[in-house]
C-alpha atoms as a PDB file:
ATOM      1  CA  MET A   1     -60.568 -43.494 119.164  1.00  0.00           C
ATOM      2  CA  ASN A   2     -57.645 -42.699 116.873  1.00  0.00           C
ATOM      3  CA  THR A   3     -54.318 -44.327 117.522  1.00  0.00           C
ATOM      4  CA  THR A   4     -51.063 -42.745 116.350  1.00  0.00           C
ATOM      5  CA  THR A   5     -47.947 -44.857 116.143  1.00  0.00           C
ATOM      6  CA  ALA A   6     -44.841 -42.662 116.591  1.00  0.00           C
ATOM      7  CA  THR A   7     -41.422 -43.432 115.278  1.00  0.00           C
ATOM      8  CA  ALA A   8     -38.663 -42.824 117.701  1.00  0.00           C
ATOM      9  CA  PRO A   9     -36.251 -40.088 116.851  1.00  0.00           C
ATOM     10  CA  GLY A  10     -33.283 -41.635 115.004  1.00  0.00           C
ATOM     11  CA  ALA A  11     -35.020 -44.902 114.307  1.00  0.00           C
ATOM     12  CA  PRO A  12     -34.031 -46.248 110.870  1.00  0.00           C
ATOM     13  CA  GLN A  13     -36.670 -45.959 108.153  1.00  0.00           C
ATOM     14  CA  ALA A  14     -37.202 -49.143 106.153  1.00  0.00           C
ATOM     15  CA  GLY A  15     -37.535 -47.500 102.793  1.00  0.00           C
ATOM     16  CA  GLY A  16     -34.341 -45.491 103.238  1.00  0.00           C
ATOM     17  CA  THR A  17     -32.400 -48.536 104.415  1.00  0.00           C
ATOM     18  CA  ALA A  18     -33.529 -50.501 101.508  1.00  0.00           C
ATOM     19  CA  SER A  19     -32.631 -47.781  99.099  1.00  0.00           C
ATOM     20  CA  ARG A  20     -29.174 -47.396 100.560  1.00  0.00           C
ATOM     21  CA  LEU A  21     -28.594 -51.075 100.382  1.00  0.00           C
ATOM     22  CA  HIS A  22     -29.624 -51.203  96.797  1.00  0.00           C
ATOM     23  CA  LEU A  23     -27.116 -48.510  96.025  1.00  0.00           C
ATOM     24  CA  VAL A  24     -24.343 -50.188  97.902  1.00  0.00           C
ATOM     25  CA  LEU A  25     -25.113 -53.467  96.091  1.00  0.00           C
ATOM     26  CA  ALA A  26     -25.151 -51.803  92.802  1.00  0.00           C
ATOM     27  CA  ALA A  27     -21.809 -50.035  93.502  1.00  0.00           C
ATOM     28  CA  LEU A  28     -20.275 -53.414  94.612  1.00  0.00           C
ATOM     29  CA  LEU A  29     -21.549 -55.116  91.490  1.00  0.00           C
ATOM     30  CA  MET A  30     -20.126 -52.402  89.183  1.00  0.00           C
ATOM     31  CA  LEU A  31     -16.708 -52.599  90.986  1.00  0.00           C
ATOM     32  CA  GLY A  32     -16.879 -56.396  90.500  1.00  0.00           C
ATOM     33  CA  CYS A  33     -17.675 -55.997  86.836  1.00  0.00           C
ATOM     34  CA  LEU A  34     -14.739 -53.732  86.398  1.00  0.00           C
ATOM     35  CA  ALA A  35     -12.385 -55.951  88.237  1.00  0.00           C
ATOM     36  CA  LEU A  36     -13.407 -59.040  86.317  1.00  0.00           C
ATOM     37  CA  THR A  37     -12.970 -57.067  82.939  1.00  0.00           C
ATOM     38  CA  VAL A  38      -9.424 -56.161  84.059  1.00  0.00           C
ATOM     39  CA  TRP A  39      -8.758 -59.697  85.224  1.00  0.00           C
ATOM     40  CA  PHE A  40      -9.888 -61.276  81.904  1.00  0.00           C
ATOM     41  CA  LYS A  41      -8.022 -58.706  79.809  1.00  0.00           C
ATOM     42  CA  PRO A  42      -9.796 -59.345  76.545  1.00  0.00           C
ATOM     43  CA  THR A  43      -7.848 -58.578  73.419  1.00  0.00           C
ATOM     44  CA  ALA A  44     -10.105 -59.538  70.556  1.00  0.00           C
ATOM     45  CA  LEU A  45     -12.666 -57.068  69.193  1.00  0.00           C
ATOM     46  CA  TRP A  46     -16.167 -58.380  68.881  1.00  0.00           C
ATOM     47  CA  SER A  47     -16.577 -56.247  65.854  1.00  0.00           C
ATOM     48  CA  ASP A  48     -13.952 -58.362  64.069  1.00  0.00           C
ATOM     49  CA  GLN A  49     -16.534 -61.305  64.593  1.00  0.00           C
ATOM     50  CA  ALA A  50     -19.831 -59.420  64.032  1.00  0.00           C
ATOM     51  CA  GLY A  51     -18.639 -56.781  61.605  1.00  0.00           C
ATOM     52  CA  GLU A  52     -18.897 -53.022  61.878  1.00  0.00           C
ATOM     53  CA  PRO A  53     -22.191 -51.514  60.797  1.00  0.00           C
ATOM     54  CA  ASP A  54     -21.876 -49.197  57.773  1.00  0.00           C
ATOM     55  CA  LEU A  55     -24.241 -46.562  59.142  1.00  0.00           C
ATOM     56  CA  GLU A  56     -24.525 -44.557  55.863  1.00  0.00           C
ATOM     57  CA  ALA A  57     -25.647 -47.726  54.118  1.00  0.00           C
ATOM     58  CA  VAL A  58     -27.879 -49.089  56.862  1.00  0.00           C
ATOM     59  CA  VAL A  59     -29.985 -45.999  57.511  1.00  0.00           C
ATOM     60  CA  PRO A  60     -31.950 -44.893  54.442  1.00  0.00           C
ATOM     61  CA  LYS A  61     -32.304 -41.249  53.591  1.00  0.00           C
ATOM     62  CA  SER A  62     -35.907 -41.656  52.561  1.00  0.00           C
ATOM     63  CA  PHE A  63     -38.540 -43.946  54.113  1.00  0.00           C
ATOM     64  CA  GLY A  64     -42.202 -43.815  55.006  1.00  0.00           C
ATOM     65  CA  ASN A  65     -43.285 -40.242  55.678  1.00  0.00           C
ATOM     66  CA  TRP A  66     -39.611 -39.125  56.111  1.00  0.00           C
ATOM     67  CA  VAL A  67     -36.851 -37.638  53.892  1.00  0.00           C
ATOM     68  CA  ALA A  68     -33.413 -36.525  54.928  1.00  0.00           C
ATOM     69  CA  SER A  69     -32.712 -32.816  54.385  1.00  0.00           C
ATOM     70  CA  PRO A  70     -29.659 -32.170  52.248  1.00  0.00           C
ATOM     71  CA  TYR A  71     -28.947 -28.922  54.152  1.00  0.00           C
ATOM     72  CA  GLY A  72     -29.650 -29.763  57.719  1.00  0.00           C
ATOM     73  CA  ALA A  73     -26.679 -31.972  58.858  1.00  0.00           C
ATOM     74  CA  ASN A  74     -24.839 -28.840  60.285  1.00  0.00           C
ATOM     75  CA  VAL A  75     -27.668 -28.087  62.769  1.00  0.00           C
ATOM     76  CA  VAL A  76     -27.466 -31.452  64.524  1.00  0.00           C
ATOM     77  CA  VAL A  77     -26.226 -31.048  68.026  1.00  0.00           C
ATOM     78  CA  ASN A  78     -23.127 -33.197  68.580  1.00  0.00           C
ATOM     79  CA  PRO A  79     -22.226 -32.151  72.168  1.00  0.00           C
ATOM     80  CA  GLN A  80     -19.139 -34.321  72.080  1.00  0.00           C
ATOM     81  CA  GLN A  81     -15.967 -32.399  71.267  1.00  0.00           C
ATOM     82  CA  GLU A  82     -14.135 -33.269  68.039  1.00  0.00           C
ATOM     83  CA  GLU A  83     -11.190 -34.947  69.663  1.00  0.00           C
ATOM     84  CA  ALA A  84     -13.385 -37.170  71.826  1.00  0.00           C
ATOM     85  CA  LEU A  85     -15.365 -38.181  68.741  1.00  0.00           C
ATOM     86  CA  ARG A  86     -12.167 -39.355  67.006  1.00  0.00           C
ATOM     87  CA  ASN A  87     -11.092 -41.240  70.055  1.00  0.00           C
ATOM     88  CA  ILE A  88     -14.253 -42.947  70.967  1.00  0.00           C
ATOM     89  CA  TYR A  89     -16.291 -43.322  67.795  1.00  0.00           C
ATOM     90  CA  SER A  90     -15.193 -45.066  64.579  1.00  0.00           C
ATOM     91  CA  ASN A  91     -18.299 -44.373  62.571  1.00  0.00           C
ATOM     92  CA  THR A  92     -20.956 -41.573  62.975  1.00  0.00           C
ATOM     93  CA  ILE A  93     -23.827 -40.013  61.112  1.00  0.00           C
ATOM     94  CA  ALA A  94     -25.845 -36.956  61.723  1.00  0.00           C
ATOM     95  CA  ARG A  95     -28.971 -36.057  59.726  1.00  0.00           C
ATOM     96  CA  VAL A  96     -32.068 -33.975  59.842  1.00  0.00           C
ATOM     97  CA  TYR A  97     -35.369 -35.711  58.641  1.00  0.00           C
ATOM     98  CA  VAL A  98     -38.326 -33.846  57.432  1.00  0.00           C
ATOM     99  CA  HIS A  99     -41.753 -35.205  58.155  1.00  0.00           C
ATOM    100  CA  LYS A 100     -43.456 -34.732  54.756  1.00  0.00           C
ATOM    101  CA  PRO A 101     -47.054 -34.261  56.004  1.00  0.00           C
ATOM    102  CA  THR A 102     -46.205 -31.537  58.566  1.00  0.00           C
ATOM    103  CA  GLY A 103     -42.755 -30.198  57.647  1.00  0.00           C
ATOM    104  CA  ARG A 104     -41.514 -30.842  61.210  1.00  0.00           C
ATOM    105  CA  GLN A 105     -37.790 -31.832  61.590  1.00  0.00           C
ATOM    106  CA  LEU A 106     -36.188 -34.457  63.717  1.00  0.00           C
ATOM    107  CA  LEU A 107     -32.481 -34.799  64.325  1.00  0.00           C
ATOM    108  CA  LEU A 108     -30.908 -38.317  64.063  1.00  0.00           C
ATOM    109  CA  SER A 109     -27.400 -38.889  65.418  1.00  0.00           C
ATOM    110  CA  LEU A 110     -25.807 -42.406  65.444  1.00  0.00           C
ATOM    111  CA  ALA A 111     -22.300 -43.001  66.885  1.00  0.00           C
ATOM    112  CA  TYR A 112     -20.556 -46.416  66.710  1.00  0.00           C
ATOM    113  CA  GLY A 113     -17.448 -47.432  68.665  1.00  0.00           C
ATOM    114  CA  LYS A 114     -15.732 -50.761  68.262  1.00  0.00           C
ATOM    115  CA  ASP A 115     -13.989 -50.641  71.769  1.00  0.00           C
ATOM    116  CA  GLN A 116     -16.241 -50.325  74.721  1.00  0.00           C
ATOM    117  CA  THR A 117     -13.558 -50.568  77.436  1.00  0.00           C
ATOM    118  CA  ARG A 118     -13.512 -48.055  80.179  1.00  0.00           C
ATOM    119  CA  ASP A 119     -11.621 -45.210  78.599  1.00  0.00           C
ATOM    120  CA  THR A 120     -13.377 -45.431  75.128  1.00  0.00           C
ATOM    121  CA  GLN A 121     -16.910 -46.397  76.002  1.00  0.00           C
ATOM    122  CA  LEU A 122     -19.866 -44.433  74.639  1.00  0.00           C
ATOM    123  CA  HIS A 123     -20.902 -41.308  76.545  1.00  0.00           C
ATOM    124  CA  PRO A 124     -24.535 -41.146  77.556  1.00  0.00           C
ATOM    125  CA  PRO A 125     -26.176 -38.048  76.048  1.00  0.00           C
ATOM    126  CA  GLU A 126     -27.065 -36.454  79.278  1.00  0.00           C
ATOM    127  CA  ALA A 127     -23.506 -36.109  80.365  1.00  0.00           C
ATOM    128  CA  CYS A 128     -22.656 -34.539  77.001  1.00  0.00           C
ATOM    129  CA  TYR A 129     -25.564 -32.205  77.056  1.00  0.00           C
ATOM    130  CA  ARG A 130     -24.797 -30.952  80.591  1.00  0.00           C
ATOM    131  CA  SER A 131     -21.111 -30.360  79.669  1.00  0.00           C
ATOM    132  CA  GLN A 132     -22.271 -28.093  76.868  1.00  0.00           C
ATOM    133  CA  GLY A 133     -24.438 -25.973  79.142  1.00  0.00           C
ATOM    134  CA  PHE A 134     -27.890 -27.630  78.701  1.00  0.00           C
ATOM    135  CA  ARG A 135     -30.145 -28.181  81.703  1.00  0.00           C
ATOM    136  CA  VAL A 136     -31.637 -31.652  81.885  1.00  0.00           C
ATOM    137  CA  ASP A 137     -35.211 -31.176  83.233  1.00  0.00           C
ATOM    138  CA  ARG A 138     -36.283 -34.849  82.976  1.00  0.00           C
ATOM    139  CA  LEU A 139     -34.467 -38.115  82.383  1.00  0.00           C
ATOM    140  CA  GLN A 140     -36.426 -41.238  82.692  1.00  0.00           C
ATOM    141  CA  PRO A 141     -36.494 -44.867  81.208  1.00  0.00           C
ATOM    142  CA  GLU A 142     -39.168 -45.747  78.747  1.00  0.00           C
ATOM    143  CA  ASP A 143     -39.746 -48.849  76.693  1.00  0.00           C
ATOM    144  CA  ILE A 144     -40.603 -48.197  73.002  1.00  0.00           C
ATOM    145  CA  THR A 145     -42.628 -50.507  70.943  1.00  0.00           C
ATOM    146  CA  ALA A 146     -41.651 -50.871  67.283  1.00  0.00           C
ATOM    147  CA  GLY A 147     -43.416 -53.766  65.626  1.00  0.00           C
ATOM    148  CA  THR A 148     -42.374 -56.878  67.551  1.00  0.00           C
ATOM    149  CA  LEU A 149     -39.545 -55.093  69.240  1.00  0.00           C
ATOM    150  CA  THR A 150     -39.540 -53.613  72.773  1.00  0.00           C
ATOM    151  CA  LEU A 151     -36.666 -51.199  73.028  1.00  0.00           C
ATOM    152  CA  PRO A 152     -35.349 -50.097  76.447  1.00  0.00           C
ATOM    153  CA  ALA A 153     -34.758 -46.401  75.809  1.00  0.00           C
ATOM    154  CA  MET A 154     -34.351 -43.212  77.777  1.00  0.00           C
ATOM    155  CA  ARG A 155     -36.383 -39.929  77.326  1.00  0.00           C
ATOM    156  CA  MET A 156     -34.623 -36.702  78.137  1.00  0.00           C
ATOM    157  CA  ASP A 157     -36.061 -33.080  78.304  1.00  0.00           C
ATOM    158  CA  THR A 158     -33.230 -30.492  77.766  1.00  0.00           C
ATOM    159  CA  VAL A 159     -33.288 -26.745  77.977  1.00  0.00           C
ATOM    160  CA  MET A 160     -30.650 -24.046  77.006  1.00  0.00           C
ATOM    161  CA  GLY A 161     -32.088 -20.422  77.108  1.00  0.00           C
ATOM    162  CA  LEU A 162     -35.089 -20.339  74.882  1.00  0.00           C
ATOM    163  CA  ARG A 163     -34.175 -23.603  73.247  1.00  0.00           C
ATOM    164  CA  ARG A 164     -36.025 -26.820  74.289  1.00  0.00           C
ATOM    165  CA  GLU A 165     -34.909 -30.122  72.873  1.00  0.00           C
ATOM    166  CA  TYR A 166     -36.687 -33.541  73.558  1.00  0.00           C
ATOM    167  CA  VAL A 167     -34.355 -36.477  73.151  1.00  0.00           C
ATOM    168  CA  THR A 168     -34.913 -40.194  72.939  1.00  0.00           C
ATOM    169  CA  TYR A 169     -31.888 -42.516  72.927  1.00  0.00           C
ATOM    170  CA  TRP A 170     -30.793 -46.080  73.495  1.00  0.00           C
ATOM    171  CA  ILE A 171     -27.316 -47.640  73.678  1.00  0.00           C
ATOM    172  CA  ARG A 172     -26.379 -51.087  72.334  1.00  0.00           C
ATOM    173  CA  VAL A 173     -23.336 -52.739  73.914  1.00  0.00           C
ATOM    174  CA  GLY A 174     -22.292 -55.963  72.176  1.00  0.00           C
ATOM    175  CA  ASP A 175     -25.461 -57.759  71.150  1.00  0.00           C
ATOM    176  CA  ARG A 176     -27.864 -56.267  73.572  1.00  0.00           C
ATOM    177  CA  LEU A 177     -29.479 -52.860  74.292  1.00  0.00           C
ATOM    178  CA  ALA A 178     -28.310 -51.862  77.829  1.00  0.00           C
ATOM    179  CA  ARG A 179     -29.928 -49.146  79.891  1.00  0.00           C
ATOM    180  CA  GLY A 180     -27.813 -47.596  82.515  1.00  0.00           C
ATOM    181  CA  SER A 181     -24.125 -48.001  83.474  1.00  0.00           C
ATOM    182  CA  LEU A 182     -24.828 -51.159  85.557  1.00  0.00           C
ATOM    183  CA  GLU A 183     -26.326 -53.008  82.600  1.00  0.00           C
ATOM    184  CA  ARG A 184     -23.653 -51.850  80.215  1.00  0.00           C
ATOM    185  CA  ASN A 185     -20.944 -53.014  82.672  1.00  0.00           C
ATOM    186  CA  LEU A 186     -22.663 -56.452  82.859  1.00  0.00           C
ATOM    187  CA  VAL A 187     -22.664 -56.783  79.042  1.00  0.00           C
ATOM    188  CA  ARG A 188     -19.058 -55.770  78.910  1.00  0.00           C
ATOM    189  CA  MET A 189     -18.167 -58.382  81.490  1.00  0.00           C
ATOM    190  CA  ARG A 190     -19.977 -61.090  79.706  1.00  0.00           C
ATOM    191  CA  PHE A 191     -18.021 -60.346  76.608  1.00  0.00           C
ATOM    192  CA  ALA A 192     -14.766 -60.048  78.487  1.00  0.00           C
ATOM    193  CA  ALA A 193     -15.362 -63.621  79.880  1.00  0.00           C
ATOM    194  CA  ARG A 194     -15.455 -64.894  76.495  1.00  0.00           C
ATOM    195  CA  GLY A 195     -12.344 -63.049  75.513  1.00  0.00           C
ATOM    196  CA  TYR A 196     -13.846 -60.197  73.471  1.00  0.00           C
ATOM    197  CA  ILE A 197     -14.014 -56.336  73.781  1.00  0.00           C
ATOM    198  CA  ALA A 198     -17.555 -55.451  73.118  1.00  0.00           C
ATOM    199  CA  ASP A 199     -18.588 -52.763  70.619  1.00  0.00           C
ATOM    200  CA  GLY A 200     -21.309 -50.216  71.117  1.00  0.00           C
ATOM    201  CA  LEU A 201     -23.799 -47.849  69.282  1.00  0.00           C
ATOM    202  CA  LEU A 202     -25.661 -44.779  70.449  1.00  0.00           C
ATOM    203  CA  PHE A 203     -28.904 -44.074  68.748  1.00  0.00           C
ATOM    204  CA  ARG A 204     -30.376 -40.655  69.396  1.00  0.00           C
ATOM    205  CA  VAL A 205     -33.324 -38.786  68.091  1.00  0.00           C
ATOM    206  CA  SER A 206     -34.464 -35.345  69.145  1.00  0.00           C
ATOM    207  CA  GLU A 207     -36.558 -32.484  68.119  1.00  0.00           C
ATOM    208  CA  ILE A 208     -36.117 -28.698  68.886  1.00  0.00           C
ATOM    209  CA  THR A 209     -39.646 -27.395  69.332  1.00  0.00           C
ATOM    210  CA  ARG A 210     -41.952 -25.249  71.453  1.00  0.00           C
ATOM    211  CA  ASP A 211     -44.594 -28.015  71.310  1.00  0.00           C
ATOM    212  CA  LYS A 212     -45.378 -30.170  74.302  1.00  0.00           C
ATOM    213  CA  GLY A 213     -42.959 -32.921  74.932  1.00  0.00           C
ATOM    214  CA  GLU A 214     -45.651 -35.617  74.746  1.00  0.00           C
ATOM    215  CA  ASN A 215     -46.353 -34.486  71.098  1.00  0.00           C
ATOM    216  CA  SER A 216     -42.689 -34.459  70.186  1.00  0.00           C
ATOM    217  CA  TYR A 217     -42.189 -38.041  71.625  1.00  0.00           C
ATOM    218  CA  ARG A 218     -45.254 -39.302  69.740  1.00  0.00           C
ATOM    219  CA  LEU A 219     -43.692 -38.045  66.507  1.00  0.00           C
ATOM    220  CA  GLN A 220     -40.201 -39.524  67.430  1.00  0.00           C
ATOM    221  CA  ASP A 221     -41.872 -42.865  68.053  1.00  0.00           C
ATOM    222  CA  GLU A 222     -43.492 -42.760  64.638  1.00  0.00           C
ATOM    223  CA  PHE A 223     -40.104 -41.944  63.075  1.00  0.00           C
ATOM    224  CA  MET A 224     -38.270 -44.782  64.903  1.00  0.00           C
ATOM    225  CA  ARG A 225     -40.954 -47.347  63.886  1.00  0.00           C
ATOM    226  CA  GLU A 226     -40.845 -46.415  60.322  1.00  0.00           C
ATOM    227  CA  LEU A 227     -37.063 -46.246  60.209  1.00  0.00           C
ATOM    228  CA  LEU A 228     -36.526 -49.682  61.885  1.00  0.00           C
ATOM    229  CA  SER A 229     -39.123 -51.344  59.677  1.00  0.00           C
ATOM    230  CA  SER A 230     -37.185 -49.972  56.615  1.00  0.00           C
ATOM    231  CA  VAL A 231     -33.672 -51.510  57.430  1.00  0.00           C
ATOM    232  CA  THR A 232     -32.469 -54.922  56.523  1.00  0.00           C
ATOM    233  CA  PRO A 233     -32.332 -57.697  59.252  1.00  0.00           C
ATOM    234  CA  ALA A 234     -28.566 -57.292  59.440  1.00  0.00           C
ATOM    235  CA  GLY A 235     -28.774 -53.655  59.702  1.00  0.00           C
ATOM    236  CA  LEU A 236     -31.377 -53.932  62.396  1.00  0.00           C
ATOM    237  CA  ASP A 237     -29.046 -56.178  64.493  1.00  0.00           C
ATOM    238  CA  GLY A 238     -26.429 -53.328  64.240  1.00  0.00           C
ATOM    239  CA  LEU A 239     -28.915 -50.831  65.577  1.00  0.00           C
ATOM    240  CA  VAL A 240     -30.751 -52.728  68.301  1.00  0.00           C
ATOM    241  CA  GLY A 241     -28.645 -55.834  68.862  1.00  0.00           C
ATOM    242  CA  LYS A 242     -29.858 -59.359  69.255  1.00  0.00           C
ATOM    243  CA  ARG A 243     -33.604 -59.777  68.908  1.00  0.00           C
ATOM    244  CA  GLY A 244     -35.090 -62.489  71.073  1.00  0.00           C
ATOM    245  CA  PRO A 245     -33.609 -64.694  73.953  1.00  0.00           C
END
């Protein structure tokens, strides 16, 4: 005999309750981080201690199977407006790299800001793409392996008209990669408690293609592995933060 257990109308669902509780706790923690940052009122820039990365010098124009195109920088999408770029970022590069075996092109954009307080923090790409009219079809976290590194990154599928762009990005805040606003706020709070204003770096790779997303991301992973293996240890710290505990 089959037995069916009914749920009374209006009875709370355990999954929904847990999800709402998680959101409430996350919101409270974010508010707490903001309040503590204001309370500590850091004035010293962490970049004065760690140094600002010279992105042009750190990122080679040729490595492995890749070479930077001398003509392609103007086609790199920088959804941020020019004024916002000047206010938030103190150092940027935008390049198109050509995959020598296939001729496929990847877009690399790096943006560095030495002040990651609330009004001048890095903008996540999904917000910038949406503000420029792109539709974000998929946005999900994914860990990327590059040698001994495991990088907490984000994958993003975007569309505007007939244009489809697949994006991989990560954000460094201070000495750590931080995925999501909660993690970034926690890092800023940790630096504020030590009297420092954290710096930050946005690393973004993308491809405009009609190919499948999985193929584009596979090529992007190859690009990132070869790039990171070609930079100096100090340059690597600037791109991905502290490695190890």
